[in-house]
C-alpha atoms as a PDB file:
ATOM      1  CA  UNK A   1       0.000   0.000   0.000  1.00  0.00           C
ATOM      2  CA  UNK A   2       1.237   3.459  -0.892  1.00  0.00           C
ATOM      3  CA  UNK A   3      -0.051   6.609   0.796  1.00  0.00           C
ATOM      4  CA  UNK A   4       0.519  10.026  -0.751  1.00  0.00           C
ATOM      5  CA  UNK A   5      -0.017  13.257   1.112  1.00  0.00           C
ATOM      6  CA  UNK A   6       0.396  16.825  -0.035  1.00  0.00           C
ATOM      7  CA  UNK A   7      -0.016  20.393   1.055  1.00  0.00           C
ATOM      8  CA  UNK A   8      -0.614  23.559  -0.959  1.00  0.00           C
ATOM      9  CA  UNK A   9      -0.062  27.047   0.456  1.00  0.00           C
ATOM     10  CA  UNK A  10      -2.246  29.680  -1.178  1.00  0.00           C
ATOM     11  CA  UNK A  11      -2.363  33.470  -1.351  1.00  0.00           C
ATOM     12  CA  UNK A  12      -5.888  34.725  -1.992  1.00  0.00           C
ATOM     13  CA  UNK A  13      -6.071  38.032  -3.833  1.00  0.00           C
ATOM     14  CA  UNK A  14      -9.187  40.139  -3.497  1.00  0.00           C
ATOM     15  CA  UNK A  15     -10.552  38.446  -0.378  1.00  0.00           C
ATOM     16  CA  UNK A  16     -11.556  40.954   2.260  1.00  0.00           C
ATOM     17  CA  UNK A  17     -13.218  38.635   4.759  1.00  0.00           C
ATOM     18  CA  UNK A  18     -13.164  35.075   6.022  1.00  0.00           C
ATOM     19  CA  UNK A  19     -16.510  34.516   4.295  1.00  0.00           C
ATOM     20  CA  UNK A  20     -15.012  35.364   0.882  1.00  0.00           C
ATOM     21  CA  UNK A  21     -12.023  33.158   1.664  1.00  0.00           C
ATOM     22  CA  UNK A  22     -14.255  30.196   2.548  1.00  0.00           C
ATOM     23  CA  UNK A  23     -16.062  30.476  -0.786  1.00  0.00           C
ATOM     24  CA  UNK A  24     -12.809  30.308  -2.764  1.00  0.00           C
ATOM     25  CA  UNK A  25     -11.314  27.518  -0.668  1.00  0.00           C
ATOM     26  CA  UNK A  26     -14.481  25.409  -0.776  1.00  0.00           C
ATOM     27  CA  UNK A  27     -14.674  25.659  -4.576  1.00  0.00           C
ATOM     28  CA  UNK A  28     -11.071  24.493  -4.878  1.00  0.00           C
ATOM     29  CA  UNK A  29     -11.587  21.647  -2.403  1.00  0.00           C
ATOM     30  CA  UNK A  30     -14.740  20.413  -4.151  1.00  0.00           C
ATOM     31  CA  UNK A  31     -13.161  20.480  -7.597  1.00  0.00           C
ATOM     32  CA  UNK A  32     -10.075  18.567  -6.428  1.00  0.00           C
ATOM     33  CA  UNK A  33     -12.210  15.999  -4.590  1.00  0.00           C
ATOM     34  CA  UNK A  34     -14.537  15.472  -7.537  1.00  0.00           C
ATOM     35  CA  UNK A  35     -11.798  15.184 -10.136  1.00  0.00           C
ATOM     36  CA  UNK A  36      -9.328  12.976  -8.229  1.00  0.00           C
ATOM     37  CA  UNK A  37     -11.489  11.178  -5.624  1.00  0.00           C
ATOM     38  CA  UNK A  38      -8.989  12.102  -2.913  1.00  0.00           C
ATOM     39  CA  UNK A  39      -9.423  13.405   0.626  1.00  0.00           C
ATOM     40  CA  UNK A  40      -9.007  17.195   0.573  1.00  0.00           C
ATOM     41  CA  UNK A  41      -9.419  19.699   3.414  1.00  0.00           C
ATOM     42  CA  UNK A  42      -8.355  23.129   4.604  1.00  0.00           C
ATOM     43  CA  UNK A  43      -5.616  22.390   7.148  1.00  0.00           C
ATOM     44  CA  UNK A  44      -4.176  25.724   8.194  1.00  0.00           C
ATOM     45  CA  UNK A  45      -4.290  29.512   8.201  1.00  0.00           C
ATOM     46  CA  UNK A  46      -7.971  29.294   9.166  1.00  0.00           C
ATOM     47  CA  UNK A  47      -8.140  32.783  10.693  1.00  0.00           C
ATOM     48  CA  UNK A  48      -6.141  34.608   7.994  1.00  0.00           C
ATOM     49  CA  UNK A  49      -8.366  35.719   5.137  1.00  0.00           C
ATOM     50  CA  UNK A  50      -5.633  36.202   2.526  1.00  0.00           C
ATOM     51  CA  UNK A  51      -3.846  32.889   3.058  1.00  0.00           C
ATOM     52  CA  UNK A  52      -4.956  29.264   3.055  1.00  0.00           C
ATOM     53  CA  UNK A  53      -3.432  25.815   3.332  1.00  0.00           C
ATOM     54  CA  UNK A  54      -5.079  22.840   1.692  1.00  0.00           C
ATOM     55  CA  UNK A  55      -4.032  19.284   2.451  1.00  0.00           C
ATOM     56  CA  UNK A  56      -4.833  16.163   0.469  1.00  0.00           C
ATOM     57  CA  UNK A  57      -4.272  12.415   0.732  1.00  0.00           C
ATOM     58  CA  UNK A  58      -4.535   9.468  -1.608  1.00  0.00           C
ATOM     59  CA  UNK A  59      -4.063   5.698  -1.234  1.00  0.00           C
ATOM     60  CA  UNK A  60      -3.135   3.332  -4.073  1.00  0.00           C
ATOM     61  CA  UNK A  61      -1.066   0.250  -4.789  1.00  0.00           C
ATOM     62  CA  UNK A  62       1.547   1.986  -6.968  1.00  0.00           C
ATOM     63  CA  UNK A  63       3.975   4.701  -5.928  1.00  0.00           C
ATOM     64  CA  UNK A  64       4.225   5.915  -9.499  1.00  0.00           C
ATOM     65  CA  UNK A  65       0.446   6.350  -9.723  1.00  0.00           C
ATOM     66  CA  UNK A  66       0.282   8.203  -6.408  1.00  0.00           C
ATOM     67  CA  UNK A  67       3.084  10.557  -7.458  1.00  0.00           C
ATOM     68  CA  UNK A  68       1.415  11.281 -10.813  1.00  0.00           C
ATOM     69  CA  UNK A  69      -1.983  12.009  -9.242  1.00  0.00           C
ATOM     70  CA  UNK A  70      -0.530  14.278  -6.539  1.00  0.00           C
ATOM     71  CA  UNK A  71       1.390  16.244  -9.181  1.00  0.00           C
ATOM     72  CA  UNK A  72      -1.784  16.568 -11.268  1.00  0.00           C
ATOM     73  CA  UNK A  73      -3.706  17.816  -8.229  1.00  0.00           C
ATOM     74  CA  UNK A  74      -1.195  20.618  -7.717  1.00  0.00           C
ATOM     75  CA  UNK A  75      -1.299  21.462 -11.424  1.00  0.00           C
ATOM     76  CA  UNK A  76      -5.107  21.536 -11.371  1.00  0.00           C
ATOM     77  CA  UNK A  77      -5.163  23.821  -8.332  1.00  0.00           C
ATOM     78  CA  UNK A  78      -2.925  26.206 -10.258  1.00  0.00           C
ATOM     79  CA  UNK A  79      -4.999  25.960 -13.446  1.00  0.00           C
ATOM     80  CA  UNK A  80      -8.172  26.894 -11.551  1.00  0.00           C
ATOM     81  CA  UNK A  81      -6.644  30.348 -10.992  1.00  0.00           C
ATOM     82  CA  UNK A  82      -8.710  30.863  -7.856  1.00  0.00           C
ATOM     83  CA  UNK A  83      -5.611  31.655  -5.812  1.00  0.00           C
ATOM     84  CA  UNK A  84      -1.850  31.969  -6.173  1.00  0.00           C
ATOM     85  CA  UNK A  85       0.121  28.901  -5.108  1.00  0.00           C
ATOM     86  CA  UNK A  86       3.017  30.070  -2.969  1.00  0.00           C
ATOM     87  CA  UNK A  87       4.145  26.699  -1.619  1.00  0.00           C
ATOM     88  CA  UNK A  88       3.522  23.027  -2.281  1.00  0.00           C
ATOM     89  CA  UNK A  89       4.948  19.762  -1.070  1.00  0.00           C
ATOM     90  CA  UNK A  90       4.173  16.082  -1.397  1.00  0.00           C
ATOM     91  CA  UNK A  91       5.283  13.009   0.496  1.00  0.00           C
ATOM     92  CA  UNK A  92       4.877   9.372  -0.511  1.00  0.00           C
ATOM     93  CA  UNK A  93       4.870   6.698   2.176  1.00  0.00           C
ATOM     94  CA  UNK A  94       5.214   2.983   1.355  1.00  0.00           C
ATOM     95  CA  UNK A  95       3.500   0.787   3.955  1.00  0.00           C
END
């Protein structure tokens, strides 16, 4: 079993409240979940309305597949152009 986890740090331009931030973050989370069938959640910077951290996890039987999907998730988050990606990292764990 191979577990892949990742984190994306975002800068949200134009958000002036936590309510506006939640709208943007929820759209990104839903689109990533629907497209890749992975667990996705906001994991940090909850009280800062111009920053967000989104975490995601995926389980598969191939490390190569996990790596490819995690990379595609980061690319998709960037293509959505809902926020600027300022940091991203992935980790693959073989169990």
